[in-house]
Protein backbone atom coordinates (compact mmCIF):
# COMPACT_ATOMS: atom_id res chain seq x y z
CA MET A 1 -4.73 -5.13 26.48
CA PRO A 2 -6.20 -5.52 22.97
CA LYS A 3 -5.12 -8.55 20.94
CA VAL A 4 -3.91 -7.73 17.44
CA SER A 5 -3.71 -9.78 14.26
CA LEU A 6 -1.01 -8.98 11.71
CA VAL A 7 -2.55 -9.24 8.22
CA ILE A 8 -0.49 -9.40 5.00
CA ILE A 9 -1.36 -10.27 1.40
CA THR A 10 1.41 -11.81 -0.68
CA LYS A 11 2.53 -13.15 -4.01
CA ASN A 12 6.15 -14.22 -4.50
CA GLU A 13 7.48 -12.10 -1.64
CA GLU A 14 10.27 -14.34 -0.36
CA LYS A 15 12.76 -11.46 -0.39
CA ASN A 16 10.53 -9.25 1.79
CA ILE A 17 8.23 -11.37 3.95
CA LYS A 18 10.80 -12.33 6.61
CA ASP A 19 11.76 -8.75 7.47
CA CYS A 20 8.14 -7.61 7.30
CA ILE A 21 6.90 -10.18 9.80
CA PHE A 22 9.95 -9.90 12.05
CA SER A 23 9.49 -6.13 12.39
CA ALA A 24 6.01 -6.64 13.89
CA LEU A 25 6.50 -9.95 15.66
CA ASP A 26 6.51 -8.56 19.20
CA LEU A 27 3.45 -6.38 18.53
CA VAL A 28 0.89 -8.96 17.46
CA ASP A 29 -0.86 -12.04 18.76
CA GLU A 30 -1.29 -13.89 15.48
CA ILE A 31 -0.12 -13.63 11.86
CA ILE A 32 -2.48 -13.99 8.91
CA VAL A 33 -1.05 -14.28 5.39
CA LEU A 34 -3.34 -14.41 2.37
CA ASP A 35 -1.22 -15.67 -0.51
CA GLU A 36 -1.94 -15.54 -4.23
CA PHE A 37 -0.46 -18.94 -5.10
CA SER A 38 3.19 -17.97 -4.74
CA THR A 39 5.72 -20.12 -6.57
CA ASP A 40 8.68 -19.13 -4.39
CA ARG A 41 9.38 -19.65 -0.65
CA THR A 42 6.89 -17.04 0.60
CA VAL A 43 4.54 -19.54 2.24
CA GLU A 44 7.37 -21.58 3.74
CA ILE A 45 8.95 -18.50 5.32
CA ALA A 46 5.64 -17.20 6.67
CA GLU A 47 4.76 -20.57 8.17
CA GLY A 48 8.19 -20.61 9.81
CA PHE A 49 6.99 -17.64 11.89
CA GLY A 50 3.83 -19.51 12.84
CA ALA A 51 1.65 -17.65 10.37
CA LYS A 52 -1.75 -18.98 9.36
CA VAL A 53 -1.50 -19.03 5.57
CA PHE A 54 -4.50 -19.02 3.26
CA THR A 55 -4.62 -18.88 -0.54
CA LYS A 56 -6.98 -17.04 -2.85
CA GLU A 57 -6.99 -15.81 -6.43
CA PHE A 58 -6.38 -12.06 -6.68
CA MET A 59 -9.55 -9.94 -6.66
CA GLY A 60 -8.03 -6.47 -6.70
CA PHE A 61 -6.07 -4.98 -3.83
CA GLY A 62 -9.04 -3.60 -1.89
CA GLN A 63 -11.14 -6.77 -1.96
CA GLN A 64 -8.11 -9.00 -1.37
CA LYS A 65 -7.24 -7.09 1.78
CA GLN A 66 -10.86 -7.08 2.95
CA TYR A 67 -10.94 -10.85 2.68
CA ALA A 68 -7.59 -11.16 4.47
CA VAL A 69 -8.93 -9.06 7.37
CA SER A 70 -11.98 -11.34 7.62
CA LEU A 71 -9.65 -14.29 8.31
CA ALA A 72 -8.21 -12.73 11.48
CA SER A 73 -9.18 -14.07 14.90
CA HIS A 74 -9.00 -10.65 16.57
CA ASP A 75 -10.93 -7.48 15.79
CA TRP A 76 -7.87 -5.24 15.98
CA VAL A 77 -5.71 -5.76 12.90
CA LEU A 78 -2.36 -4.37 11.82
CA CYS A 79 -2.25 -4.45 8.02
CA LEU A 80 1.13 -4.36 6.30
CA ASP A 81 2.27 -4.84 2.74
CA ALA A 82 5.00 -7.43 2.35
CA ASP A 83 7.55 -4.74 1.42
CA GLU A 84 6.86 -2.71 4.56
CA GLN A 85 8.51 -2.84 7.98
CA VAL A 86 7.62 -1.28 11.32
CA SER A 87 10.35 1.08 12.51
CA ASP A 88 11.58 0.96 16.12
CA ASP A 89 9.84 4.26 16.94
CA LEU A 90 6.56 3.06 15.49
CA ALA A 91 6.89 -0.28 17.30
CA ASN A 92 7.28 1.58 20.60
CA SER A 93 4.19 3.66 19.83
CA ILE A 94 2.13 0.54 19.10
CA LEU A 95 3.36 -1.18 22.26
CA ASN A 96 2.50 1.90 24.33
CA TRP A 97 -0.98 1.89 22.79
CA LYS A 98 -1.46 -1.78 23.61
CA ASN A 99 -0.49 -1.18 27.23
CA LYS A 100 -2.92 1.72 27.68
CA LYS A 101 -6.64 1.66 28.18
CA GLU A 102 -8.43 1.94 24.84
CA GLU A 103 -9.33 5.56 24.07
CA ASP A 104 -13.04 6.26 23.66
CA GLY A 105 -14.16 6.54 20.07
CA ILE A 106 -10.77 5.88 18.47
CA LYS A 107 -11.10 2.77 16.35
CA GLY A 108 -8.25 3.28 13.91
CA TYR A 109 -4.71 4.65 13.99
CA SER A 110 -2.70 6.09 11.17
CA PHE A 111 1.04 6.66 10.92
CA ASN A 112 3.46 8.12 8.42
CA ARG A 113 4.99 5.95 5.72
CA LEU A 114 8.53 6.61 4.50
CA SER A 115 9.14 5.06 1.08
CA PHE A 116 12.62 4.01 -0.02
CA TYR A 117 13.49 4.30 -3.71
CA CYS A 118 16.65 2.74 -5.09
CA GLY A 119 18.12 2.62 -1.59
CA LYS A 120 17.14 6.07 -0.30
CA GLY A 121 14.22 7.31 1.80
CA ILE A 122 12.30 9.88 -0.26
CA LYS A 123 10.79 12.92 1.43
CA THR A 124 10.10 14.91 -1.75
CA CYS A 125 7.77 14.38 -4.75
CA GLY A 126 4.80 14.37 -2.37
CA TRP A 127 5.86 10.98 -1.02
CA TYR A 128 6.26 12.12 2.60
CA PRO A 129 4.61 12.55 4.96
CA VAL A 130 1.82 10.30 3.78
CA ASN A 131 -0.21 8.90 6.65
CA ARG A 132 -2.69 6.07 6.33
CA ILE A 133 -4.74 4.02 8.75
CA ARG A 134 -3.11 0.62 9.16
CA LEU A 135 -4.08 -0.34 12.73
CA PHE A 136 -7.84 -0.52 13.16
CA ASN A 137 -10.78 -2.34 14.67
CA ARG A 138 -12.49 -4.20 11.83
CA LYS A 139 -15.90 -3.77 13.49
CA PHE A 140 -15.70 -0.08 12.68
CA GLY A 141 -13.85 0.09 9.36
CA ASN A 142 -12.10 -1.79 6.60
CA TRP A 143 -10.35 -1.43 3.27
CA ASN A 144 -12.37 0.15 0.49
CA ASP A 145 -13.07 -1.64 -2.81
CA LYS A 146 -10.46 0.12 -4.97
CA ASP A 147 -8.47 -2.21 -7.19
CA VAL A 148 -5.33 -0.13 -6.64
CA HIS A 149 -4.30 2.64 -4.20
CA GLU A 150 -6.79 1.25 -1.71
CA ILE A 151 -7.16 2.79 1.77
CA VAL A 152 -8.77 1.90 5.08
CA GLU A 153 -11.97 3.84 5.79
CA LEU A 154 -13.49 4.10 9.26
CA ASN A 155 -17.18 4.52 9.96
CA PRO A 156 -17.89 8.28 9.84
CA GLU A 157 -18.75 8.59 13.53
CA LYS A 158 -15.50 7.01 14.69
CA LYS A 159 -12.38 8.99 15.54
CA GLU A 160 -8.97 8.40 13.97
CA GLY A 161 -5.85 8.46 16.12
CA PHE A 162 -2.24 8.97 15.12
CA LEU A 163 0.87 7.06 16.26
CA LYS A 164 4.38 8.46 16.02
CA GLY A 165 7.08 6.66 14.07
CA ASP A 166 7.46 5.72 10.42
CA LEU A 167 6.26 2.69 8.54
CA MET A 168 9.24 1.88 6.34
CA HIS A 169 8.20 1.08 2.78
CA TYR A 170 10.95 -0.64 0.82
CA THR A 171 9.43 -0.07 -2.56
CA MET A 172 11.23 -0.18 -5.91
CA GLU A 173 14.91 -1.14 -5.70
CA THR A 174 15.58 -0.35 -9.36
CA VAL A 175 14.15 1.99 -11.99
CA GLU A 176 13.19 -1.05 -14.06
CA GLU A 177 11.14 -2.41 -11.16
CA HIS A 178 9.43 0.97 -10.82
CA ILE A 179 8.48 0.97 -14.51
CA ALA A 180 7.14 -2.60 -14.36
CA LYS A 181 5.05 -1.93 -11.24
CA THR A 182 3.72 1.35 -12.62
CA LYS A 183 2.64 -0.31 -15.87
CA LYS A 184 0.87 -3.03 -13.89
CA TYR A 185 -1.05 -0.46 -11.84
CA ALA A 186 -1.82 1.58 -14.96
CA LEU A 187 -3.37 -1.47 -16.59
CA ILE A 188 -5.57 -2.05 -13.52
CA LYS A 189 -6.66 1.60 -13.47
CA SER A 190 -7.52 1.53 -17.17
CA GLU A 191 -10.18 -1.11 -16.50
CA ASN A 192 -12.33 1.55 -14.84
CA LEU A 193 -12.11 4.12 -17.64
CA GLN A 194 -13.61 2.35 -20.61
CA ASP A 195 -17.01 3.94 -20.07
CA LYS A 196 -15.52 7.40 -20.77
CA ASN A 197 -15.66 8.98 -24.23
CA LYS A 198 -12.58 9.35 -26.41
CA LEU A 199 -12.45 13.16 -26.10
CA PHE A 200 -12.11 12.77 -22.33
CA ILE A 201 -9.40 10.15 -22.74
CA TYR A 202 -7.38 12.20 -25.24
CA SER A 203 -7.58 15.36 -23.12
CA LYS A 204 -6.27 13.46 -20.09
CA LEU A 205 -3.55 11.86 -22.21
CA ILE A 206 -2.29 15.29 -23.26
CA PHE A 207 -2.53 17.33 -20.07
CA ASN A 208 -2.23 14.93 -17.12
CA PRO A 209 1.38 13.78 -17.68
CA ILE A 210 2.66 17.37 -17.88
CA SER A 211 0.71 18.37 -14.78
CA VAL A 212 1.97 15.38 -12.77
CA PHE A 213 5.62 15.99 -13.66
CA ILE A 214 5.49 19.72 -12.84
CA LYS A 215 3.77 19.06 -9.53
CA MET A 216 6.12 16.31 -8.36
CA TYR A 217 9.45 17.57 -9.68
CA PHE A 218 9.06 21.31 -9.08
CA LEU A 219 6.19 22.03 -6.68
CA LYS A 220 6.92 18.99 -4.46
CA PHE A 221 10.70 19.54 -4.67
CA GLY A 222 11.57 16.31 -6.45
CA PHE A 223 14.65 18.04 -7.90
CA MET A 224 16.16 18.04 -4.40
CA ASP A 225 16.47 14.23 -4.58
CA GLY A 226 18.61 14.36 -7.72
CA TRP A 227 18.19 11.60 -10.27
CA ARG A 228 15.84 9.70 -7.97
CA GLY A 229 13.44 12.64 -7.80
CA TYR A 230 13.61 13.04 -11.58
CA SER A 231 13.01 9.32 -12.14
CA ILE A 232 10.03 9.23 -9.75
CA SER A 233 8.49 12.33 -11.36
CA LYS A 234 9.06 11.12 -14.90
CA ILE A 235 7.71 7.60 -14.37
CA SER A 236 4.72 8.97 -12.46
CA ALA A 237 4.00 11.22 -15.43
CA MET A 238 4.39 8.27 -17.80
CA SER A 239 1.88 6.39 -15.66
CA GLU A 240 -0.76 8.81 -16.89
CA VAL A 241 0.28 8.08 -20.49
CA TRP A 242 0.07 4.33 -19.93
CA ILE A 243 -3.33 4.51 -18.19
CA TYR A 244 -4.99 6.32 -21.08
CA LYS A 245 -3.06 4.48 -23.78
CA TYR A 246 -4.22 1.13 -22.36
CA THR A 247 -7.76 2.50 -22.19
CA LEU A 248 -7.71 3.62 -25.83
CA ASP A 249 -6.26 0.30 -26.94
CA LYS A 250 -9.11 -1.56 -25.24
CA MET A 251 -11.71 0.78 -26.68
CA LYS A 252 -10.34 0.19 -30.17
CA LYS A 253 -10.48 -3.57 -29.65
CA GLY A 254 -13.99 -3.30 -28.24
CA THR A 255 -13.06 -5.16 -25.04
């Protein structure tokens, strides 16, 4: 039976960390938390579950998660965000996997993630099904270096398996929280665009927001989720505005 380390990065996650860890407690053999100097009870709560807590300044999501994985004692790691929880169906799938002989060549498993927005699971706007590798052997893969929207990548010759059951993602509870998080991510993304010319930036500023809204609200059936679908589509479109606006502002300042 493979031993598994639960790996989580945190910053001020006291409202989420308890439920996150508890949902995976029976599936793992150790808990690793890499904290970004939280000022709330995140560390205290995690340590109450027996977690090994480390601290490190934020390096970007990809590199932060890579470092967190390196702290694990076991090669198999289950990586969760603090606002995610393992559903009962997914927990059963992981337990069944642990009790079986390891399948040849499969060194990482993906599963679907169901995101909740303002209290409702969203299956429109292109938000579901979205499957990502979250259970993997670190000898054969790891998080990539992206500062935001990072993913786990396996070595090309290794197979990817799939486990049934949803990873529950309790994302934005309010529209205001969605806007704040989207602006934060837009600012991070803008850091990588300053080597582009202004014509490129202006063209993206004009056309991308319209394209994103049409795709999410109409083509991905966001309208079927009422005001939530409209809010998700609109703020996602505004994300494109913020990304390129932040980039232009930095170019003008010469930073």
